[in-house]
Amino acid sequence: MDAELAQRLLKVLDRVEAWLPLEPASVDWSRDVAALWQRNALGGQLMPVAARDGVTMDDLVGVERQKAALLANTRAFLHGRPANHALLWGARGSGKSSLVRALLNTLAPEGLRLIQVDRHDLVGLPGLVQRLRDAPQRFIVYCDDLSFEGHDDAYKALKSVLDGTLTGPPENVLLYATSNRRHLLPESLADNQDTRLVDGELHHGDAVEERISLSDRFGLWLAFHPFNQDTYLDACRHWVHHLGSEADWSEQARVEAVRFATLRGVRSGRAAWQFACQWVGAAQEDARS
């Protein structure tokens, strides 16, 4: 092979390699505190991820009971004591996902490790849990914004891992999920038509029982509700101080925060954060002008 042909082949190889996917980084749990589980032809792989932000428990306003309950449950788990799988359900933007992130930021130094699994990768959940069984670390397997459609069978893998197999989940794994739906599955009027009153007792039909059976496997239910105006304004003030300074919160800011929530039709922690970004960003831009 002459030198010119060899040079051309090397250039072709360089172009092919540029299009090939990068080799996934391996997880080192002594260094990494969070990872994503992604299903593939070999079963699945763990990909380390950096913490999304530095949100803390003190940053979450209006969910004091939920913070205390989830923190206590997780610390019991980390210390090898009995603890429950947790379902955080309720209004959108009310702090469910933020609470899980704050929990990781708070307890990672105490040994907590978190693995997020998307709904479409739940089929590989039993394999992931089996892989974690002999690891020395303690893991929260986390499903964010979880819900299933009426004819979706993916939830069976989740049911099996939670409480449906002979072995059950390993002692070093808990499952936490967030959802806007209390029972994770859609509920229709037709499902309740088979409900009967027998000797003064309410008996649900099979469709309702099937929907309840999944969420019932979570021992800790934490409900999140829309904020009232005072709580919403407290959250706005907190985030304005966090992003700017105390001087940025004023009576005018309060009026604009109320208008912001009214136009969006929701009072929530997410809306408070979005208002603070808008208000502080505009104030800092004006200061530069």
C-alpha atoms as a PDB file:
ATOM      1  CA  MET A   1       0.000   0.000   0.000  1.00  0.00           C
ATOM      2  CA  ASP A   2       1.499   3.313  -1.023  1.00  0.00           C
ATOM      3  CA  ALA A   3       1.782   6.266   1.349  1.00  0.00           C
ATOM      4  CA  GLU A   4      -0.896   8.327  -0.420  1.00  0.00           C
ATOM      5  CA  LEU A   5      -3.541   5.556  -0.136  1.00  0.00           C
ATOM      6  CA  ALA A   6      -2.664   4.979   3.519  1.00  0.00           C
ATOM      7  CA  GLN A   7      -3.092   8.687   4.210  1.00  0.00           C
ATOM      8  CA  ARG A   8      -6.536   8.678   2.582  1.00  0.00           C
ATOM      9  CA  LEU A   9      -7.628   5.661   4.629  1.00  0.00           C
ATOM     10  CA  LEU A  10      -6.531   7.391   7.837  1.00  0.00           C
ATOM     11  CA  LYS A  11      -8.611  10.444   6.936  1.00  0.00           C
ATOM     12  CA  VAL A  12     -11.652   8.234   6.253  1.00  0.00           C
ATOM     13  CA  LEU A  13     -11.216   6.504   9.615  1.00  0.00           C
ATOM     14  CA  ASP A  14     -10.964   9.849  11.388  1.00  0.00           C
ATOM     15  CA  ARG A  15     -14.262  10.924   9.830  1.00  0.00           C
ATOM     16  CA  VAL A  16     -15.985   7.657  10.797  1.00  0.00           C
ATOM     17  CA  GLU A  17     -14.737   7.889  14.395  1.00  0.00           C
ATOM     18  CA  ALA A  18     -16.025  11.438  14.630  1.00  0.00           C
ATOM     19  CA  TRP A  19     -19.557  10.142  14.014  1.00  0.00           C
ATOM     20  CA  LEU A  20     -19.331   7.243  16.455  1.00  0.00           C
ATOM     21  CA  PRO A  21     -20.928   7.756  19.882  1.00  0.00           C
ATOM     22  CA  LEU A  22     -18.538   8.397  22.725  1.00  0.00           C
ATOM     23  CA  GLU A  23     -17.846   5.535  25.084  1.00  0.00           C
ATOM     24  CA  PRO A  24     -20.098   6.071  28.104  1.00  0.00           C
ATOM     25  CA  ALA A  25     -18.292   7.091  31.268  1.00  0.00           C
ATOM     26  CA  SER A  26     -18.363   4.502  34.019  1.00  0.00           C
ATOM     27  CA  VAL A  27     -19.807   5.326  37.420  1.00  0.00           C
ATOM     28  CA  ASP A  28     -17.474   5.575  40.392  1.00  0.00           C
ATOM     29  CA  TRP A  29     -19.722   5.742  43.450  1.00  0.00           C
ATOM     30  CA  SER A  30     -16.850   6.916  45.632  1.00  0.00           C
ATOM     31  CA  ARG A  31     -16.853  10.069  43.503  1.00  0.00           C
ATOM     32  CA  ASP A  32     -20.235  10.275  41.740  1.00  0.00           C
ATOM     33  CA  VAL A  33     -23.431  10.885  43.697  1.00  0.00           C
ATOM     34  CA  ALA A  34     -25.973  10.638  40.874  1.00  0.00           C
ATOM     35  CA  ALA A  35     -26.452   8.695  37.642  1.00  0.00           C
ATOM     36  CA  LEU A  36     -28.969   8.016  34.898  1.00  0.00           C
ATOM     37  CA  TRP A  37     -30.058   4.481  34.054  1.00  0.00           C
ATOM     38  CA  GLN A  38     -30.579   3.939  30.343  1.00  0.00           C
ATOM     39  CA  ARG A  39     -31.830   0.697  28.846  1.00  0.00           C
ATOM     40  CA  ASN A  40     -29.861  -0.794  25.950  1.00  0.00           C
ATOM     41  CA  ALA A  41     -29.395  -4.074  24.066  1.00  0.00           C
ATOM     42  CA  LEU A  42     -27.261  -5.443  26.910  1.00  0.00           C
ATOM     43  CA  GLY A  43     -29.857  -4.606  29.569  1.00  0.00           C
ATOM     44  CA  GLY A  44     -28.830  -1.116  30.585  1.00  0.00           C
ATOM     45  CA  GLN A  45     -26.036   1.182  31.613  1.00  0.00           C
ATOM     46  CA  LEU A  46     -25.396   3.763  34.323  1.00  0.00           C
ATOM     47  CA  MET A  47     -24.200   7.192  33.210  1.00  0.00           C
ATOM     48  CA  PRO A  48     -22.835   9.554  35.886  1.00  0.00           C
ATOM     49  CA  VAL A  49     -24.330  13.051  36.010  1.00  0.00           C
ATOM     50  CA  ALA A  50     -23.404  16.157  37.953  1.00  0.00           C
ATOM     51  CA  ALA A  51     -25.872  17.698  40.381  1.00  0.00           C
ATOM     52  CA  ARG A  52     -28.228  20.002  38.488  1.00  0.00           C
ATOM     53  CA  ASP A  53     -28.046  22.826  41.016  1.00  0.00           C
ATOM     54  CA  GLY A  54     -27.264  23.652  44.623  1.00  0.00           C
ATOM     55  CA  VAL A  55     -30.852  23.860  45.867  1.00  0.00           C
ATOM     56  CA  THR A  56     -31.092  23.210  49.608  1.00  0.00           C
ATOM     57  CA  MET A  57     -33.877  22.300  51.994  1.00  0.00           C
ATOM     58  CA  ASP A  58     -33.970  25.909  53.216  1.00  0.00           C
ATOM     59  CA  ASP A  59     -34.694  27.088  49.661  1.00  0.00           C
ATOM     60  CA  LEU A  60     -38.010  25.209  49.592  1.00  0.00           C
ATOM     61  CA  VAL A  61     -40.776  27.343  51.073  1.00  0.00           C
ATOM     62  CA  GLY A  62     -44.247  26.133  51.996  1.00  0.00           C
ATOM     63  CA  VAL A  63     -43.499  22.397  52.171  1.00  0.00           C
ATOM     64  CA  GLU A  64     -42.138  22.080  55.703  1.00  0.00           C
ATOM     65  CA  ARG A  65     -44.084  18.916  56.575  1.00  0.00           C
ATOM     66  CA  GLN A  66     -43.056  17.177  53.363  1.00  0.00           C
ATOM     67  CA  LYS A  67     -39.392  18.131  53.862  1.00  0.00           C
ATOM     68  CA  ALA A  68     -39.326  16.797  57.414  1.00  0.00           C
ATOM     69  CA  ALA A  69     -41.046  13.517  56.495  1.00  0.00           C
ATOM     70  CA  LEU A  70     -38.847  12.738  53.487  1.00  0.00           C
ATOM     71  CA  LEU A  71     -35.659  13.718  55.302  1.00  0.00           C
ATOM     72  CA  ALA A  72     -36.513  11.501  58.279  1.00  0.00           C
ATOM     73  CA  ASN A  73     -37.418   8.551  56.033  1.00  0.00           C
ATOM     74  CA  THR A  74     -34.210   8.870  54.015  1.00  0.00           C
ATOM     75  CA  ARG A  75     -31.965   9.242  57.050  1.00  0.00           C
ATOM     76  CA  ALA A  76     -33.505   6.121  58.570  1.00  0.00           C
ATOM     77  CA  PHE A  77     -32.714   4.304  55.317  1.00  0.00           C
ATOM     78  CA  LEU A  78     -29.106   5.552  55.299  1.00  0.00           C
ATOM     79  CA  HIS A  79     -28.644   4.354  58.871  1.00  0.00           C
ATOM     80  CA  GLY A  80     -29.910   0.866  58.023  1.00  0.00           C
ATOM     81  CA  ARG A  81     -33.251   1.255  59.778  1.00  0.00           C
ATOM     82  CA  PRO A  82     -36.682   0.428  58.286  1.00  0.00           C
ATOM     83  CA  ALA A  83     -37.853   2.986  55.715  1.00  0.00           C
ATOM     84  CA  ASN A  84     -40.558   3.282  53.054  1.00  0.00           C
ATOM     85  CA  HIS A  85     -40.662   3.804  49.326  1.00  0.00           C
ATOM     86  CA  ALA A  86     -42.019   7.334  48.777  1.00  0.00           C
ATOM     87  CA  LEU A  87     -44.555   8.819  46.364  1.00  0.00           C
ATOM     88  CA  LEU A  88     -44.575  12.620  46.084  1.00  0.00           C
ATOM     89  CA  TRP A  89     -47.770  13.601  44.292  1.00  0.00           C
ATOM     90  CA  GLY A  90     -49.781  16.728  43.703  1.00  0.00           C
ATOM     91  CA  ALA A  91     -49.942  20.083  41.984  1.00  0.00           C
ATOM     92  CA  ARG A  92     -47.489  20.950  39.240  1.00  0.00           C
ATOM     93  CA  GLY A  93     -44.599  23.200  40.201  1.00  0.00           C
ATOM     94  CA  SER A  94     -45.156  22.707  43.921  1.00  0.00           C
ATOM     95  CA  GLY A  95     -41.644  21.457  44.729  1.00  0.00           C
ATOM     96  CA  LYS A  96     -41.763  17.672  44.334  1.00  0.00           C
ATOM     97  CA  SER A  97     -38.718  17.306  42.085  1.00  0.00           C
ATOM     98  CA  SER A  98     -36.887  20.147  43.816  1.00  0.00           C
ATOM     99  CA  LEU A  99     -37.295  18.359  47.133  1.00  0.00           C
ATOM    100  CA  VAL A 100     -35.595  15.235  45.759  1.00  0.00           C
ATOM    101  CA  ARG A 101     -32.708  17.333  44.410  1.00  0.00           C
ATOM    102  CA  ALA A 102     -32.364  19.142  47.733  1.00  0.00           C
ATOM    103  CA  LEU A 103     -32.425  15.799  49.505  1.00  0.00           C
ATOM    104  CA  LEU A 104     -29.483  14.574  47.425  1.00  0.00           C
ATOM    105  CA  ASN A 105     -27.530  17.793  47.976  1.00  0.00           C
ATOM    106  CA  THR A 106     -28.122  17.493  51.726  1.00  0.00           C
ATOM    107  CA  LEU A 107     -27.479  13.783  52.236  1.00  0.00           C
ATOM    108  CA  ALA A 108     -24.848  12.933  49.604  1.00  0.00           C
ATOM    109  CA  PRO A 109     -22.090  13.657  52.182  1.00  0.00           C
ATOM    110  CA  GLU A 110     -23.808  11.090  54.445  1.00  0.00           C
ATOM    111  CA  GLY A 111     -23.634   8.419  51.732  1.00  0.00           C
ATOM    112  CA  LEU A 112     -26.827   8.853  49.708  1.00  0.00           C
ATOM    113  CA  ARG A 113     -26.589   7.971  46.009  1.00  0.00           C
ATOM    114  CA  LEU A 114     -29.378   8.627  43.497  1.00  0.00           C
ATOM    115  CA  ILE A 115     -30.199   6.949  40.186  1.00  0.00           C
ATOM    116  CA  GLN A 116     -32.862   8.440  37.935  1.00  0.00           C
ATOM    117  CA  VAL A 117     -34.873   6.137  35.679  1.00  0.00           C
ATOM    118  CA  ASP A 118     -37.175   7.542  32.994  1.00  0.00           C
ATOM    119  CA  ARG A 119     -40.568   5.924  32.489  1.00  0.00           C
ATOM    120  CA  HIS A 120     -39.658   4.376  29.135  1.00  0.00           C
ATOM    121  CA  ASP A 121     -36.643   2.671  30.761  1.00  0.00           C
ATOM    122  CA  LEU A 122     -38.650   1.076  33.572  1.00  0.00           C
ATOM    123  CA  VAL A 123     -38.679  -2.276  31.791  1.00  0.00           C
ATOM    124  CA  GLY A 124     -35.011  -2.548  32.743  1.00  0.00           C
ATOM    125  CA  LEU A 125     -35.675  -1.673  36.394  1.00  0.00           C
ATOM    126  CA  PRO A 126     -35.457  -5.256  37.742  1.00  0.00           C
ATOM    127  CA  GLY A 127     -32.028  -5.624  36.133  1.00  0.00           C
ATOM    128  CA  LEU A 128     -30.826  -2.357  37.659  1.00  0.00           C
ATOM    129  CA  VAL A 129     -32.032  -3.315  41.128  1.00  0.00           C
ATOM    130  CA  GLN A 130     -30.346  -6.695  40.844  1.00  0.00           C
ATOM    131  CA  ARG A 131     -27.100  -4.977  39.861  1.00  0.00           C
ATOM    132  CA  LEU A 132     -27.260  -2.764  42.973  1.00  0.00           C
ATOM    133  CA  ARG A 133     -28.041  -5.603  45.377  1.00  0.00           C
ATOM    134  CA  ASP A 134     -24.429  -6.316  46.395  1.00  0.00           C
ATOM    135  CA  ALA A 135     -23.109  -2.747  46.229  1.00  0.00           C
ATOM    136  CA  PRO A 136     -21.923  -1.251  49.540  1.00  0.00           C
ATOM    137  CA  GLN A 137     -23.672   2.089  48.906  1.00  0.00           C
ATOM    138  CA  ARG A 138     -27.320   2.915  49.601  1.00  0.00           C
ATOM    139  CA  PHE A 139     -29.387   4.074  46.641  1.00  0.00           C
ATOM    140  CA  ILE A 140     -32.563   5.983  45.929  1.00  0.00           C
ATOM    141  CA  VAL A 141     -33.917   4.928  42.520  1.00  0.00           C
ATOM    142  CA  TYR A 142     -35.886   7.953  41.389  1.00  0.00           C
ATOM    143  CA  CYS A 143     -38.678   8.214  38.790  1.00  0.00           C
ATOM    144  CA  ASP A 144     -39.603  11.825  38.015  1.00  0.00           C
ATOM    145  CA  ASP A 145     -43.016  12.939  36.744  1.00  0.00           C
ATOM    146  CA  LEU A 146     -44.218   9.354  36.652  1.00  0.00           C
ATOM    147  CA  SER A 147     -47.560   8.409  35.134  1.00  0.00           C
ATOM    148  CA  PHE A 148     -48.925   5.673  32.918  1.00  0.00           C
ATOM    149  CA  GLU A 149     -51.615   5.588  30.271  1.00  0.00           C
ATOM    150  CA  GLY A 150     -54.609   3.331  30.517  1.00  0.00           C
ATOM    151  CA  HIS A 151     -53.176   0.559  28.313  1.00  0.00           C
ATOM    152  CA  ASP A 152     -49.531   0.994  29.327  1.00  0.00           C
ATOM    153  CA  ASP A 153     -47.994  -2.187  30.741  1.00  0.00           C
ATOM    154  CA  ALA A 154     -44.654  -0.582  31.698  1.00  0.00           C
ATOM    155  CA  TYR A 155     -45.864  -0.093  35.260  1.00  0.00           C
ATOM    156  CA  LYS A 156     -45.739  -3.868  35.868  1.00  0.00           C
ATOM    157  CA  ALA A 157     -41.941  -3.748  36.193  1.00  0.00           C
ATOM    158  CA  LEU A 158     -42.308  -1.052  38.839  1.00  0.00           C
ATOM    159  CA  LYS A 159     -44.958  -3.034  40.720  1.00  0.00           C
ATOM    160  CA  SER A 160     -42.758  -6.107  40.661  1.00  0.00           C
ATOM    161  CA  VAL A 161     -39.733  -4.330  42.082  1.00  0.00           C
ATOM    162  CA  LEU A 162     -41.736  -2.509  44.749  1.00  0.00           C
ATOM    163  CA  ASP A 163     -43.448  -5.515  46.265  1.00  0.00           C
ATOM    164  CA  GLY A 164     -44.253  -8.207  43.765  1.00  0.00           C
ATOM    165  CA  THR A 165     -41.387 -10.676  43.583  1.00  0.00           C
ATOM    166  CA  LEU A 166     -40.178 -13.448  45.835  1.00  0.00           C
ATOM    167  CA  THR A 167     -37.034 -11.556  46.793  1.00  0.00           C
ATOM    168  CA  GLY A 168     -38.366  -7.997  46.851  1.00  0.00           C
ATOM    169  CA  PRO A 169     -36.107  -4.950  46.511  1.00  0.00           C
ATOM    170  CA  PRO A 170     -32.689  -5.250  48.154  1.00  0.00           C
ATOM    171  CA  GLU A 171     -32.081  -3.732  51.563  1.00  0.00           C
ATOM    172  CA  ASN A 172     -29.875  -0.987  50.082  1.00  0.00           C
ATOM    173  CA  VAL A 173     -32.425   0.336  47.548  1.00  0.00           C
ATOM    174  CA  LEU A 174     -35.519   2.524  47.957  1.00  0.00           C
ATOM    175  CA  LEU A 175     -37.755   3.862  45.195  1.00  0.00           C
ATOM    176  CA  TYR A 176     -38.939   7.480  45.188  1.00  0.00           C
ATOM    177  CA  ALA A 177     -41.336   8.807  42.538  1.00  0.00           C
ATOM    178  CA  THR A 178     -42.980  12.130  41.770  1.00  0.00           C
ATOM    179  CA  SER A 179     -46.266  12.441  39.921  1.00  0.00           C
ATOM    180  CA  ASN A 180     -49.167  14.806  39.333  1.00  0.00           C
ATOM    181  CA  ARG A 181     -51.474  11.778  39.745  1.00  0.00           C
ATOM    182  CA  ARG A 182     -52.070  10.246  43.153  1.00  0.00           C
ATOM    183  CA  HIS A 183     -52.543   6.744  41.733  1.00  0.00           C
ATOM    184  CA  LEU A 184     -50.130   7.182  38.776  1.00  0.00           C
ATOM    185  CA  LEU A 185     -52.773   5.937  36.323  1.00  0.00           C
ATOM    186  CA  PRO A 186     -55.659   7.828  34.705  1.00  0.00           C
ATOM    187  CA  GLU A 187     -59.013   7.435  36.438  1.00  0.00           C
ATOM    188  CA  SER A 188     -62.306   7.577  34.584  1.00  0.00           C
ATOM    189  CA  LEU A 189     -65.950   7.640  35.601  1.00  0.00           C
ATOM    190  CA  ALA A 190     -66.452   4.231  33.977  1.00  0.00           C
ATOM    191  CA  ASP A 191     -63.908   2.688  36.360  1.00  0.00           C
ATOM    192  CA  ASN A 192     -66.091   3.617  39.321  1.00  0.00           C
ATOM    193  CA  GLN A 193     -69.325   2.246  37.908  1.00  0.00           C
ATOM    194  CA  ASP A 194     -68.488  -1.222  39.242  1.00  0.00           C
ATOM    195  CA  THR A 195     -68.145   0.089  42.799  1.00  0.00           C
ATOM    196  CA  ARG A 196     -70.816  -1.408  45.051  1.00  0.00           C
ATOM    197  CA  LEU A 197     -72.075  -0.864  48.593  1.00  0.00           C
ATOM    198  CA  VAL A 198     -72.326  -4.282  50.295  1.00  0.00           C
ATOM    199  CA  ASP A 199     -73.652  -4.443  53.867  1.00  0.00           C
ATOM    200  CA  GLY A 200     -72.554  -0.878  54.428  1.00  0.00           C
ATOM    201  CA  GLU A 201     -69.036  -1.468  53.037  1.00  0.00           C
ATOM    202  CA  LEU A 202     -67.671   0.115  49.864  1.00  0.00           C
ATOM    203  CA  HIS A 203     -66.254  -2.447  47.399  1.00  0.00           C
ATOM    204  CA  HIS A 204     -64.297  -1.090  44.430  1.00  0.00           C
ATOM    205  CA  GLY A 205     -64.367  -2.760  41.037  1.00  0.00           C
ATOM    206  CA  ASP A 206     -61.352  -4.479  39.528  1.00  0.00           C
ATOM    207  CA  ALA A 207     -60.318  -1.414  37.472  1.00  0.00           C
ATOM    208  CA  VAL A 208     -60.117   0.814  40.553  1.00  0.00           C
ATOM    209  CA  GLU A 209     -58.311  -1.856  42.555  1.00  0.00           C
ATOM    210  CA  GLU A 210     -55.726  -2.185  39.785  1.00  0.00           C
ATOM    211  CA  ARG A 211     -55.060   1.557  39.832  1.00  0.00           C
ATOM    212  CA  ILE A 212     -54.768   1.721  43.607  1.00  0.00           C
ATOM    213  CA  SER A 213     -52.531  -1.363  43.789  1.00  0.00           C
ATOM    214  CA  LEU A 214     -49.530   0.446  42.306  1.00  0.00           C
ATOM    215  CA  SER A 215     -49.518   3.591  44.438  1.00  0.00           C
ATOM    216  CA  ASP A 216     -50.425   1.480  47.470  1.00  0.00           C
ATOM    217  CA  ARG A 217     -46.965  -0.103  47.296  1.00  0.00           C
ATOM    218  CA  PHE A 218     -45.410   3.227  48.326  1.00  0.00           C
ATOM    219  CA  GLY A 219     -45.444   3.349  52.126  1.00  0.00           C
ATOM    220  CA  LEU A 220     -44.868   7.119  52.329  1.00  0.00           C
ATOM    221  CA  TRP A 221     -47.305   9.383  50.502  1.00  0.00           C
ATOM    222  CA  LEU A 222     -46.544  13.101  50.491  1.00  0.00           C
ATOM    223  CA  ALA A 223     -49.173  15.415  49.025  1.00  0.00           C
ATOM    224  CA  PHE A 224     -48.260  18.772  47.484  1.00  0.00           C
ATOM    225  CA  HIS A 225     -50.984  21.375  47.033  1.00  0.00           C
ATOM    226  CA  PRO A 226     -51.167  24.777  45.305  1.00  0.00           C
ATOM    227  CA  PHE A 227     -49.797  27.631  47.427  1.00  0.00           C
ATOM    228  CA  ASN A 228     -52.025  30.208  49.003  1.00  0.00           C
ATOM    229  CA  GLN A 229     -51.059  33.801  48.293  1.00  0.00           C
ATOM    230  CA  ASP A 230     -49.040  34.337  51.487  1.00  0.00           C
ATOM    231  CA  THR A 231     -46.939  31.218  50.902  1.00  0.00           C
ATOM    232  CA  TYR A 232     -46.436  32.129  47.256  1.00  0.00           C
ATOM    233  CA  LEU A 233     -45.232  35.619  48.205  1.00  0.00           C
ATOM    234  CA  ASP A 234     -42.895  34.155  50.830  1.00  0.00           C
ATOM    235  CA  ALA A 235     -41.382  31.985  48.094  1.00  0.00           C
ATOM    236  CA  CYS A 236     -41.088  34.985  45.751  1.00  0.00           C
ATOM    237  CA  ARG A 237     -39.307  37.005  48.420  1.00  0.00           C
ATOM    238  CA  HIS A 238     -36.914  34.134  49.155  1.00  0.00           C
ATOM    239  CA  TRP A 239     -35.907  33.695  45.535  1.00  0.00           C
ATOM    240  CA  VAL A 240     -35.600  37.428  44.900  1.00  0.00           C
ATOM    241  CA  HIS A 241     -33.199  37.641  47.859  1.00  0.00           C
ATOM    242  CA  HIS A 242     -31.371  34.544  46.611  1.00  0.00           C
ATOM    243  CA  LEU A 243     -30.910  35.805  43.049  1.00  0.00           C
ATOM    244  CA  GLY A 244     -30.438  39.458  43.904  1.00  0.00           C
ATOM    245  CA  SER A 245     -30.491  41.228  47.250  1.00  0.00           C
ATOM    246  CA  GLU A 246     -32.926  42.164  49.977  1.00  0.00           C
ATOM    247  CA  ALA A 247     -33.221  45.606  48.392  1.00  0.00           C
ATOM    248  CA  ASP A 248     -34.782  44.004  45.300  1.00  0.00           C
ATOM    249  CA  TRP A 249     -37.886  43.009  47.262  1.00  0.00           C
ATOM    250  CA  SER A 250     -40.272  45.934  47.612  1.00  0.00           C
ATOM    251  CA  GLU A 251     -43.950  46.740  47.595  1.00  0.00           C
ATOM    252  CA  GLN A 252     -43.737  47.093  43.829  1.00  0.00           C
ATOM    253  CA  ALA A 253     -42.147  43.642  43.583  1.00  0.00           C
ATOM    254  CA  ARG A 254     -44.976  42.238  45.702  1.00  0.00           C
ATOM    255  CA  VAL A 255     -47.605  43.771  43.416  1.00  0.00           C
ATOM    256  CA  GLU A 256     -45.866  42.453  40.321  1.00  0.00           C
ATOM    257  CA  ALA A 257     -45.525  38.976  41.890  1.00  0.00           C
ATOM    258  CA  VAL A 258     -49.287  38.854  42.452  1.00  0.00           C
ATOM    259  CA  ARG A 259     -49.902  39.989  38.872  1.00  0.00           C
ATOM    260  CA  PHE A 260     -47.457  37.360  37.577  1.00  0.00           C
ATOM    261  CA  ALA A 261     -49.311  34.538  39.353  1.00  0.00           C
ATOM    262  CA  THR A 262     -52.696  35.874  38.243  1.00  0.00           C
ATOM    263  CA  LEU A 263     -51.660  35.931  34.583  1.00  0.00           C
ATOM    264  CA  ARG A 264     -50.276  32.391  34.813  1.00  0.00           C
ATOM    265  CA  GLY A 265     -53.265  31.095  36.749  1.00  0.00           C
ATOM    266  CA  VAL A 266     -51.136  29.329  39.352  1.00  0.00           C
ATOM    267  CA  ARG A 267     -49.382  30.014  42.648  1.00  0.00           C
ATOM    268  CA  SER A 268     -46.469  27.626  43.115  1.00  0.00           C
ATOM    269  CA  GLY A 269     -42.813  27.424  43.962  1.00  0.00           C
ATOM    270  CA  ARG A 270     -42.010  27.195  40.255  1.00  0.00           C
ATOM    271  CA  ALA A 271     -43.992  30.350  39.513  1.00  0.00           C
ATOM    272  CA  ALA A 272     -42.187  32.105  42.388  1.00  0.00           C
ATOM    273  CA  TRP A 273     -38.803  31.126  40.926  1.00  0.00           C
ATOM    274  CA  GLN A 274     -39.841  32.268  37.450  1.00  0.00           C
ATOM    275  CA  PHE A 275     -41.067  35.610  38.784  1.00  0.00           C
ATOM    276  CA  ALA A 276     -37.824  36.126  40.713  1.00  0.00           C
ATOM    277  CA  CYS A 277     -35.758  35.424  37.582  1.00  0.00           C
ATOM    278  CA  GLN A 278     -37.801  37.965  35.626  1.00  0.00           C
ATOM    279  CA  TRP A 279     -37.816  40.613  38.355  1.00  0.00           C
ATOM    280  CA  VAL A 280     -34.168  40.400  39.388  1.00  0.00           C
ATOM    281  CA  GLY A 281     -32.983  40.045  35.798  1.00  0.00           C
ATOM    282  CA  ALA A 282     -34.853  43.202  34.775  1.00  0.00           C
ATOM    283  CA  ALA A 283     -33.587  45.098  37.846  1.00  0.00           C
ATOM    284  CA  GLN A 284     -29.968  44.147  37.137  1.00  0.00           C
ATOM    285  CA  GLU A 285     -30.353  45.071  33.470  1.00  0.00           C
ATOM    286  CA  ASP A 286     -31.750  48.499  34.447  1.00  0.00           C
ATOM    287  CA  ALA A 287     -28.831  49.012  36.817  1.00  0.00           C
ATOM    288  CA  ARG A 288     -26.397  48.438  33.953  1.00  0.00           C
ATOM    289  CA  SER A 289     -28.121  50.991  31.688  1.00  0.00           C
END
